[in-house]
N, C-alpha and C. Protein backbone atom coordinates (compact mmCIF):
# COMPACT_ATOMS: atom_id res chain seq x y z
N MET A 1 -44.15 10.09 -2.08
CA MET A 1 -43.44 8.85 -2.31
C MET A 1 -44.43 7.70 -2.22
N GLY A 2 -44.24 6.70 -3.06
CA GLY A 2 -45.12 5.54 -3.08
C GLY A 2 -44.90 4.64 -1.88
N SER A 3 -45.70 3.64 -1.79
CA SER A 3 -45.58 2.70 -0.68
C SER A 3 -44.75 1.49 -1.11
N ILE A 4 -44.23 0.80 -0.14
CA ILE A 4 -43.46 -0.42 -0.38
C ILE A 4 -44.23 -1.56 0.25
N THR A 5 -44.42 -2.62 -0.49
CA THR A 5 -45.07 -3.81 0.04
C THR A 5 -43.99 -4.82 0.38
N ILE A 6 -44.00 -5.31 1.60
CA ILE A 6 -43.03 -6.33 2.01
C ILE A 6 -43.69 -7.69 1.87
N GLU A 7 -43.07 -8.52 1.05
CA GLU A 7 -43.58 -9.86 0.82
C GLU A 7 -42.64 -10.88 1.45
N ALA A 8 -43.15 -12.04 1.76
CA ALA A 8 -42.32 -13.11 2.30
C ALA A 8 -41.27 -13.52 1.28
N ASN A 9 -40.10 -13.90 1.79
CA ASN A 9 -39.05 -14.41 0.91
C ASN A 9 -38.49 -15.68 1.50
N GLU A 10 -37.35 -16.12 1.03
CA GLU A 10 -36.77 -17.37 1.48
C GLU A 10 -35.99 -17.25 2.79
N SER A 11 -35.82 -16.06 3.29
CA SER A 11 -35.03 -15.84 4.50
C SER A 11 -35.58 -16.64 5.68
N GLY A 12 -34.76 -17.54 6.18
CA GLY A 12 -35.15 -18.32 7.35
C GLY A 12 -36.02 -19.52 7.07
N ARG A 13 -36.53 -19.64 5.87
CA ARG A 13 -37.42 -20.78 5.58
C ARG A 13 -36.69 -22.11 5.67
N LEU A 14 -35.42 -22.13 5.25
CA LEU A 14 -34.71 -23.40 5.19
C LEU A 14 -34.55 -24.02 6.57
N TRP A 15 -34.09 -23.25 7.55
CA TRP A 15 -33.91 -23.84 8.88
C TRP A 15 -35.23 -24.20 9.52
N ALA A 16 -36.29 -23.52 9.11
CA ALA A 16 -37.61 -23.81 9.67
C ALA A 16 -38.28 -24.98 8.96
N GLU A 17 -38.06 -25.11 7.65
CA GLU A 17 -38.81 -26.10 6.87
C GLU A 17 -37.98 -27.30 6.42
N ASP A 18 -36.66 -27.19 6.37
CA ASP A 18 -35.81 -28.30 5.93
C ASP A 18 -34.53 -28.32 6.76
N PRO A 19 -34.64 -28.78 8.00
CA PRO A 19 -33.48 -28.76 8.90
C PRO A 19 -32.27 -29.52 8.36
N GLU A 20 -32.47 -30.57 7.60
CA GLU A 20 -31.34 -31.33 7.05
C GLU A 20 -30.56 -30.49 6.03
N ALA A 21 -31.27 -29.80 5.16
CA ALA A 21 -30.60 -28.92 4.18
C ALA A 21 -29.89 -27.78 4.92
N TRP A 22 -30.52 -27.26 5.96
CA TRP A 22 -29.90 -26.20 6.77
C TRP A 22 -28.60 -26.70 7.39
N GLU A 23 -28.62 -27.89 7.96
CA GLU A 23 -27.41 -28.46 8.58
C GLU A 23 -26.28 -28.60 7.56
N ARG A 24 -26.61 -28.97 6.33
CA ARG A 24 -25.58 -29.07 5.27
C ARG A 24 -24.97 -27.69 5.00
N LEU A 25 -25.81 -26.66 4.93
CA LEU A 25 -25.31 -25.30 4.70
C LEU A 25 -24.41 -24.82 5.84
N CYS A 26 -24.63 -25.36 7.02
CA CYS A 26 -23.86 -24.94 8.19
C CYS A 26 -22.47 -25.55 8.24
N THR A 27 -22.11 -26.36 7.25
CA THR A 27 -20.77 -26.94 7.18
C THR A 27 -19.97 -26.21 6.11
N PRO A 28 -18.65 -26.15 6.25
CA PRO A 28 -17.84 -25.52 5.20
C PRO A 28 -18.04 -26.18 3.83
N GLU A 29 -18.26 -27.48 3.82
CA GLU A 29 -18.45 -28.20 2.54
C GLU A 29 -19.75 -27.81 1.85
N GLY A 30 -20.78 -27.49 2.61
CA GLY A 30 -22.07 -27.15 2.03
C GLY A 30 -22.33 -25.66 1.92
N CYS A 31 -21.40 -24.86 2.38
CA CYS A 31 -21.61 -23.41 2.43
C CYS A 31 -21.23 -22.74 1.12
N PRO A 32 -22.14 -21.95 0.53
CA PRO A 32 -21.81 -21.28 -0.73
C PRO A 32 -20.76 -20.18 -0.57
N MET A 33 -20.54 -19.68 0.63
CA MET A 33 -19.53 -18.64 0.82
C MET A 33 -18.13 -19.21 1.04
N CYS A 34 -18.05 -20.51 1.31
CA CYS A 34 -16.74 -21.12 1.56
C CYS A 34 -16.06 -21.60 0.27
N GLY A 35 -16.80 -21.75 -0.78
CA GLY A 35 -16.22 -22.20 -2.03
C GLY A 35 -15.51 -21.07 -2.76
N GLU A 36 -15.09 -21.37 -3.95
CA GLU A 36 -14.43 -20.36 -4.78
C GLU A 36 -15.44 -19.30 -5.17
N ASP A 37 -15.03 -18.04 -5.07
CA ASP A 37 -15.93 -16.93 -5.39
C ASP A 37 -16.22 -16.92 -6.89
N PRO A 38 -17.51 -16.99 -7.27
CA PRO A 38 -17.83 -17.00 -8.70
C PRO A 38 -17.57 -15.66 -9.39
N HIS A 39 -17.40 -14.60 -8.61
CA HIS A 39 -17.16 -13.28 -9.18
C HIS A 39 -15.99 -12.60 -8.45
N PRO A 40 -14.77 -13.08 -8.65
CA PRO A 40 -13.63 -12.45 -7.96
C PRO A 40 -13.44 -10.99 -8.34
N GLU A 41 -13.98 -10.59 -9.48
CA GLU A 41 -13.85 -9.19 -9.91
C GLU A 41 -14.65 -8.25 -9.02
N TRP A 42 -15.55 -8.79 -8.21
CA TRP A 42 -16.35 -7.95 -7.32
C TRP A 42 -15.78 -7.89 -5.92
N ILE A 43 -14.63 -8.53 -5.70
CA ILE A 43 -13.97 -8.43 -4.40
C ILE A 43 -13.25 -7.10 -4.35
N LEU A 44 -13.60 -6.28 -3.39
CA LEU A 44 -12.99 -4.96 -3.25
C LEU A 44 -11.65 -5.05 -2.54
N ALA A 45 -11.58 -5.92 -1.53
CA ALA A 45 -10.37 -6.01 -0.73
C ALA A 45 -10.38 -7.32 0.04
N GLU A 46 -9.20 -7.69 0.52
CA GLU A 46 -9.06 -8.90 1.30
C GLU A 46 -8.04 -8.66 2.41
N THR A 47 -8.40 -9.11 3.61
CA THR A 47 -7.49 -9.04 4.75
C THR A 47 -7.28 -10.47 5.25
N GLU A 48 -6.52 -10.62 6.32
CA GLU A 48 -6.33 -11.95 6.90
C GLU A 48 -7.66 -12.55 7.35
N THR A 49 -8.57 -11.70 7.76
CA THR A 49 -9.81 -12.13 8.39
C THR A 49 -11.02 -12.21 7.46
N CYS A 50 -11.04 -11.36 6.43
CA CYS A 50 -12.26 -11.26 5.63
C CYS A 50 -12.01 -10.86 4.18
N LYS A 51 -13.09 -10.97 3.41
CA LYS A 51 -13.15 -10.43 2.06
C LYS A 51 -14.28 -9.41 2.04
N VAL A 52 -14.07 -8.34 1.30
CA VAL A 52 -15.10 -7.32 1.14
C VAL A 52 -15.57 -7.36 -0.30
N SER A 53 -16.86 -7.53 -0.50
CA SER A 53 -17.42 -7.65 -1.85
C SER A 53 -18.45 -6.56 -2.12
N ALA A 54 -18.53 -6.18 -3.38
CA ALA A 54 -19.58 -5.28 -3.86
C ALA A 54 -20.04 -5.83 -5.20
N TRP A 55 -21.17 -6.49 -5.20
CA TRP A 55 -21.68 -7.09 -6.42
C TRP A 55 -22.21 -6.03 -7.36
N ARG A 56 -22.26 -6.37 -8.61
CA ARG A 56 -22.75 -5.43 -9.63
C ARG A 56 -24.19 -5.00 -9.34
N GLU A 57 -25.02 -5.95 -8.92
CA GLU A 57 -26.40 -5.63 -8.54
C GLU A 57 -26.46 -5.52 -7.03
N ALA A 58 -27.04 -4.43 -6.54
CA ALA A 58 -27.09 -4.20 -5.10
C ALA A 58 -28.39 -3.50 -4.73
N VAL A 59 -28.74 -3.56 -3.45
CA VAL A 59 -29.99 -2.96 -2.97
C VAL A 59 -29.88 -1.46 -2.77
N LEU A 60 -28.65 -0.96 -2.63
CA LEU A 60 -28.38 0.48 -2.54
C LEU A 60 -27.06 0.73 -3.26
N PRO A 61 -26.87 1.89 -3.81
CA PRO A 61 -25.65 2.14 -4.59
C PRO A 61 -24.34 1.90 -3.83
N GLY A 62 -24.28 2.17 -2.54
CA GLY A 62 -23.03 2.01 -1.79
C GLY A 62 -22.93 0.73 -0.99
N TYR A 63 -23.86 -0.19 -1.20
CA TYR A 63 -23.88 -1.45 -0.44
C TYR A 63 -22.60 -2.25 -0.64
N ALA A 64 -22.09 -2.82 0.45
CA ALA A 64 -20.97 -3.77 0.41
C ALA A 64 -21.20 -4.82 1.48
N CYS A 65 -20.48 -5.93 1.37
CA CYS A 65 -20.62 -7.03 2.31
C CYS A 65 -19.23 -7.47 2.76
N VAL A 66 -19.05 -7.59 4.06
CA VAL A 66 -17.79 -8.06 4.64
C VAL A 66 -18.02 -9.51 5.07
N VAL A 67 -17.24 -10.43 4.49
CA VAL A 67 -17.44 -11.86 4.70
C VAL A 67 -16.26 -12.46 5.45
N SER A 68 -16.53 -13.15 6.53
CA SER A 68 -15.48 -13.82 7.30
C SER A 68 -14.83 -14.91 6.45
N LYS A 69 -13.51 -15.02 6.54
CA LYS A 69 -12.81 -16.10 5.84
C LYS A 69 -12.96 -17.42 6.58
N LYS A 70 -13.28 -17.35 7.86
CA LYS A 70 -13.51 -18.57 8.65
C LYS A 70 -14.99 -18.89 8.61
N HIS A 71 -15.29 -20.17 8.43
CA HIS A 71 -16.70 -20.58 8.42
C HIS A 71 -17.20 -20.67 9.85
N VAL A 72 -17.88 -19.61 10.27
CA VAL A 72 -18.58 -19.59 11.55
C VAL A 72 -19.96 -19.01 11.30
N LEU A 73 -20.89 -19.36 12.16
CA LEU A 73 -22.25 -18.84 12.00
C LEU A 73 -22.44 -17.53 12.74
N GLU A 74 -21.76 -17.38 13.87
CA GLU A 74 -21.97 -16.23 14.74
C GLU A 74 -20.64 -15.52 15.00
N PRO A 75 -20.67 -14.21 15.23
CA PRO A 75 -19.43 -13.51 15.58
C PRO A 75 -18.76 -14.10 16.82
N PHE A 76 -19.56 -14.57 17.78
CA PHE A 76 -18.97 -15.12 19.01
C PHE A 76 -18.29 -16.47 18.77
N ASP A 77 -18.50 -17.07 17.60
CA ASP A 77 -17.81 -18.32 17.27
C ASP A 77 -16.34 -18.08 16.88
N LEU A 78 -15.99 -16.85 16.55
CA LEU A 78 -14.59 -16.51 16.28
C LEU A 78 -13.86 -16.37 17.61
N ASP A 79 -12.55 -16.66 17.63
CA ASP A 79 -11.80 -16.38 18.85
C ASP A 79 -11.70 -14.85 18.99
N GLU A 80 -11.33 -14.39 20.17
CA GLU A 80 -11.36 -12.95 20.43
C GLU A 80 -10.50 -12.16 19.45
N HIS A 81 -9.34 -12.69 19.13
CA HIS A 81 -8.44 -12.01 18.20
C HIS A 81 -9.13 -11.80 16.84
N ASP A 82 -9.77 -12.84 16.32
CA ASP A 82 -10.46 -12.73 15.04
C ASP A 82 -11.73 -11.90 15.12
N GLN A 83 -12.40 -11.91 16.28
CA GLN A 83 -13.56 -11.04 16.46
C GLN A 83 -13.14 -9.58 16.29
N VAL A 84 -12.06 -9.21 16.95
CA VAL A 84 -11.57 -7.83 16.88
C VAL A 84 -11.18 -7.49 15.45
N ARG A 85 -10.45 -8.37 14.79
CA ARG A 85 -10.00 -8.11 13.41
C ARG A 85 -11.19 -8.00 12.46
N PHE A 86 -12.18 -8.90 12.61
CA PHE A 86 -13.36 -8.83 11.74
C PHE A 86 -14.09 -7.50 11.94
N PHE A 87 -14.27 -7.12 13.20
CA PHE A 87 -14.99 -5.87 13.47
C PHE A 87 -14.19 -4.67 12.97
N LEU A 88 -12.89 -4.63 13.21
CA LEU A 88 -12.08 -3.50 12.75
C LEU A 88 -12.07 -3.41 11.23
N ASP A 89 -11.97 -4.55 10.55
CA ASP A 89 -12.02 -4.55 9.09
C ASP A 89 -13.38 -4.06 8.60
N SER A 90 -14.45 -4.47 9.27
CA SER A 90 -15.80 -4.03 8.90
C SER A 90 -15.95 -2.53 9.10
N MET A 91 -15.43 -2.01 10.21
CA MET A 91 -15.54 -0.58 10.49
C MET A 91 -14.67 0.24 9.54
N ALA A 92 -13.50 -0.26 9.16
CA ALA A 92 -12.67 0.44 8.17
C ALA A 92 -13.39 0.49 6.83
N THR A 93 -14.05 -0.61 6.47
CA THR A 93 -14.82 -0.64 5.22
C THR A 93 -15.97 0.34 5.28
N ALA A 94 -16.70 0.36 6.40
CA ALA A 94 -17.81 1.30 6.56
C ALA A 94 -17.32 2.74 6.48
N ARG A 95 -16.18 3.02 7.11
CA ARG A 95 -15.60 4.37 7.07
C ARG A 95 -15.27 4.77 5.63
N ALA A 96 -14.69 3.85 4.87
CA ALA A 96 -14.36 4.14 3.47
C ALA A 96 -15.62 4.45 2.67
N LEU A 97 -16.66 3.65 2.86
CA LEU A 97 -17.92 3.89 2.14
C LEU A 97 -18.55 5.21 2.57
N ALA A 98 -18.44 5.54 3.86
CA ALA A 98 -19.00 6.81 4.34
C ALA A 98 -18.25 7.99 3.72
N LYS A 99 -16.94 7.89 3.61
CA LYS A 99 -16.17 8.96 2.98
C LYS A 99 -16.55 9.10 1.50
N LEU A 100 -16.77 7.98 0.84
CA LEU A 100 -17.07 7.99 -0.59
C LEU A 100 -18.50 8.47 -0.88
N PHE A 101 -19.47 8.03 -0.08
CA PHE A 101 -20.88 8.30 -0.38
C PHE A 101 -21.52 9.38 0.48
N SER A 102 -20.89 9.78 1.58
CA SER A 102 -21.44 10.78 2.51
C SER A 102 -22.89 10.48 2.89
N PRO A 103 -23.15 9.30 3.45
CA PRO A 103 -24.53 8.97 3.81
C PRO A 103 -25.01 9.74 5.03
N ALA A 104 -26.33 9.81 5.18
CA ALA A 104 -26.91 10.36 6.39
C ALA A 104 -26.65 9.41 7.56
N LYS A 105 -26.62 8.10 7.26
CA LYS A 105 -26.43 7.07 8.28
C LYS A 105 -25.93 5.80 7.61
N MET A 106 -25.00 5.11 8.26
CA MET A 106 -24.56 3.79 7.80
C MET A 106 -25.33 2.75 8.59
N ASN A 107 -25.97 1.82 7.92
CA ASN A 107 -26.65 0.72 8.60
C ASN A 107 -25.78 -0.53 8.51
N TYR A 108 -25.77 -1.30 9.61
CA TYR A 108 -24.97 -2.51 9.72
C TYR A 108 -25.92 -3.66 10.02
N GLU A 109 -25.78 -4.77 9.29
CA GLU A 109 -26.67 -5.91 9.54
C GLU A 109 -25.88 -7.21 9.47
N ILE A 110 -26.09 -8.04 10.49
CA ILE A 110 -25.58 -9.41 10.50
C ILE A 110 -26.79 -10.30 10.73
N HIS A 111 -27.08 -11.18 9.77
CA HIS A 111 -28.22 -12.08 9.92
C HIS A 111 -27.74 -13.53 9.89
N GLY A 112 -27.54 -14.05 8.69
CA GLY A 112 -27.11 -15.43 8.55
C GLY A 112 -28.24 -16.44 8.55
N ASN A 113 -29.48 -15.97 8.50
CA ASN A 113 -30.60 -16.91 8.49
C ASN A 113 -30.95 -17.40 7.09
N THR A 114 -30.28 -16.88 6.07
CA THR A 114 -30.42 -17.41 4.71
C THR A 114 -29.16 -18.17 4.33
N VAL A 115 -28.01 -17.56 4.54
CA VAL A 115 -26.72 -18.21 4.33
C VAL A 115 -26.00 -18.20 5.68
N PRO A 116 -25.85 -19.38 6.31
CA PRO A 116 -25.27 -19.44 7.64
C PRO A 116 -23.74 -19.37 7.64
N HIS A 117 -23.24 -18.18 7.33
CA HIS A 117 -21.80 -17.92 7.32
C HIS A 117 -21.67 -16.45 7.73
N LEU A 118 -20.81 -16.15 8.69
CA LEU A 118 -20.69 -14.80 9.21
C LEU A 118 -20.37 -13.80 8.10
N HIS A 119 -21.25 -12.83 7.95
CA HIS A 119 -21.03 -11.72 7.03
C HIS A 119 -21.81 -10.50 7.53
N MET A 120 -21.25 -9.33 7.27
CA MET A 120 -21.88 -8.08 7.70
C MET A 120 -22.25 -7.25 6.48
N HIS A 121 -23.52 -6.90 6.39
CA HIS A 121 -24.01 -6.04 5.32
C HIS A 121 -23.80 -4.58 5.73
N LEU A 122 -23.30 -3.78 4.82
CA LEU A 122 -23.12 -2.34 5.07
C LEU A 122 -23.99 -1.57 4.08
N PHE A 123 -24.89 -0.77 4.62
CA PHE A 123 -25.85 -0.03 3.80
C PHE A 123 -25.71 1.48 4.06
N PRO A 124 -25.02 2.21 3.19
CA PRO A 124 -25.01 3.67 3.34
C PRO A 124 -26.39 4.22 2.98
N ARG A 125 -27.07 4.82 3.96
CA ARG A 125 -28.42 5.34 3.74
C ARG A 125 -28.35 6.81 3.39
N MET A 126 -29.02 7.17 2.30
CA MET A 126 -28.97 8.52 1.76
C MET A 126 -30.33 9.20 1.87
N PRO A 127 -30.33 10.51 2.05
CA PRO A 127 -31.60 11.23 1.99
C PRO A 127 -32.25 10.94 0.62
N GLY A 128 -33.50 10.58 0.65
CA GLY A 128 -34.20 10.32 -0.60
C GLY A 128 -34.01 8.93 -1.17
N ASP A 129 -33.28 8.04 -0.46
CA ASP A 129 -33.14 6.69 -1.03
C ASP A 129 -34.49 5.97 -0.99
N ILE A 130 -34.60 4.92 -1.74
CA ILE A 130 -35.88 4.23 -1.94
C ILE A 130 -36.49 3.71 -0.64
N TYR A 131 -35.66 3.52 0.40
CA TYR A 131 -36.15 2.94 1.64
C TYR A 131 -36.44 3.97 2.73
N VAL A 132 -36.37 5.25 2.45
CA VAL A 132 -36.65 6.25 3.48
C VAL A 132 -38.04 5.98 4.05
N GLY A 133 -38.09 5.88 5.37
CA GLY A 133 -39.35 5.60 6.05
C GLY A 133 -39.65 4.12 6.19
N TYR A 134 -38.80 3.28 5.66
CA TYR A 134 -39.00 1.83 5.70
C TYR A 134 -37.68 1.15 6.06
N PRO A 135 -37.76 -0.06 6.60
CA PRO A 135 -36.52 -0.81 6.77
C PRO A 135 -35.98 -1.22 5.39
N ASN A 136 -34.69 -1.38 5.32
CA ASN A 136 -34.10 -1.88 4.08
C ASN A 136 -34.47 -3.35 3.97
N HIS A 137 -35.25 -3.70 3.00
CA HIS A 137 -35.71 -5.08 2.90
C HIS A 137 -35.30 -5.75 1.59
N CYS A 138 -34.33 -5.16 0.90
CA CYS A 138 -33.68 -5.81 -0.25
C CYS A 138 -34.64 -6.19 -1.37
N ARG A 139 -35.58 -5.32 -1.71
CA ARG A 139 -36.51 -5.62 -2.79
C ARG A 139 -36.27 -4.77 -4.03
N THR A 140 -35.27 -3.90 -3.98
CA THR A 140 -34.94 -3.04 -5.11
C THR A 140 -33.53 -3.35 -5.55
N VAL A 141 -33.24 -3.25 -6.83
CA VAL A 141 -31.90 -3.55 -7.33
C VAL A 141 -31.35 -2.36 -8.10
N PHE A 142 -30.14 -1.96 -7.73
CA PHE A 142 -29.38 -0.96 -8.47
C PHE A 142 -28.27 -1.70 -9.20
N VAL A 143 -28.03 -1.36 -10.43
CA VAL A 143 -26.93 -1.97 -11.18
C VAL A 143 -25.80 -0.96 -11.23
N ARG A 144 -24.64 -1.40 -10.72
CA ARG A 144 -23.48 -0.51 -10.65
C ARG A 144 -22.54 -0.76 -11.81
N SER A 145 -21.88 0.29 -12.25
CA SER A 145 -20.91 0.16 -13.33
C SER A 145 -19.59 -0.34 -12.77
N GLU A 146 -18.73 -0.80 -13.65
CA GLU A 146 -17.39 -1.22 -13.24
C GLU A 146 -16.65 -0.04 -12.62
N ASP A 147 -16.87 1.16 -13.15
CA ASP A 147 -16.23 2.36 -12.62
C ASP A 147 -16.68 2.62 -11.18
N GLU A 148 -17.97 2.46 -10.91
CA GLU A 148 -18.48 2.66 -9.55
C GLU A 148 -17.87 1.65 -8.58
N ILE A 149 -17.80 0.40 -9.01
CA ILE A 149 -17.20 -0.64 -8.17
C ILE A 149 -15.72 -0.36 -7.97
N ASP A 150 -15.06 0.12 -9.00
CA ASP A 150 -13.64 0.46 -8.89
C ASP A 150 -13.40 1.59 -7.88
N ARG A 151 -14.26 2.59 -7.88
CA ARG A 151 -14.13 3.68 -6.90
C ARG A 151 -14.31 3.14 -5.48
N MET A 152 -15.26 2.23 -5.30
CA MET A 152 -15.45 1.60 -3.99
C MET A 152 -14.20 0.81 -3.61
N ARG A 153 -13.66 0.06 -4.55
CA ARG A 153 -12.45 -0.75 -4.31
C ARG A 153 -11.30 0.14 -3.85
N GLN A 154 -11.08 1.23 -4.55
CA GLN A 154 -9.99 2.13 -4.20
C GLN A 154 -10.18 2.73 -2.80
N ALA A 155 -11.40 3.14 -2.48
CA ALA A 155 -11.68 3.73 -1.18
C ALA A 155 -11.48 2.72 -0.05
N VAL A 156 -11.99 1.50 -0.24
CA VAL A 156 -11.89 0.48 0.80
C VAL A 156 -10.43 0.05 0.98
N ARG A 157 -9.73 -0.17 -0.12
CA ARG A 157 -8.31 -0.56 -0.02
C ARG A 157 -7.49 0.51 0.65
N SER A 158 -7.77 1.75 0.36
CA SER A 158 -7.03 2.86 0.99
C SER A 158 -7.27 2.86 2.50
N GLU A 159 -8.51 2.65 2.91
CA GLU A 159 -8.84 2.68 4.34
C GLU A 159 -8.29 1.46 5.08
N LEU A 160 -8.29 0.29 4.44
CA LEU A 160 -7.77 -0.92 5.10
C LEU A 160 -6.24 -0.90 5.19
N GLY A 161 -5.60 -0.24 4.24
CA GLY A 161 -4.15 -0.04 4.28
C GLY A 161 -3.33 -1.26 4.57
N ARG A 162 -2.60 -1.24 5.68
CA ARG A 162 -1.65 -2.30 6.02
C ARG A 162 -2.31 -3.64 6.28
N ARG A 163 -3.60 -3.67 6.52
CA ARG A 163 -4.26 -4.95 6.79
C ARG A 163 -4.54 -5.75 5.52
N LEU A 164 -4.35 -5.15 4.36
CA LEU A 164 -4.61 -5.84 3.09
C LEU A 164 -3.66 -7.01 2.88
N VAL A 165 -4.17 -8.06 2.26
CA VAL A 165 -3.34 -9.18 1.81
C VAL A 165 -3.63 -9.40 0.33
N GLY A 166 -2.73 -10.07 -0.33
CA GLY A 166 -2.93 -10.43 -1.74
C GLY A 166 -2.80 -9.34 -2.74
């Protein structure tokens, strides 16, 4: 297997280099996740607490993102009730993806240093995936078909069950 070179990206640069722009992003008015979703067709499911998205282009075939409906930067900024609901919705989504993709391991990531809005990345890791032996650093793109996204939607909606809204 070839090597992967990790290069610097924009992650974290804004809060370090332009604190005023960072502060704007930290408000619901300046947050790109708080506005209308430019790709509603990529929303797999919605609960009271979150939206689950799977974009057409992804770093791994089974990647999905669970996004809080409330604009908070940290999980601890949610009240306890919403913390539990966000986590349970995230785990139900991860379970659905695990059933669909049968990964060797599911990776969970919460950062927020590029977009300061609570969201959890779910990465089903497969034997032989491009990142084996390396951290997932989001430098590769897989393009998923509508059918693949639809299968993810069905699996996630089935697992979330009664918690679904809309």
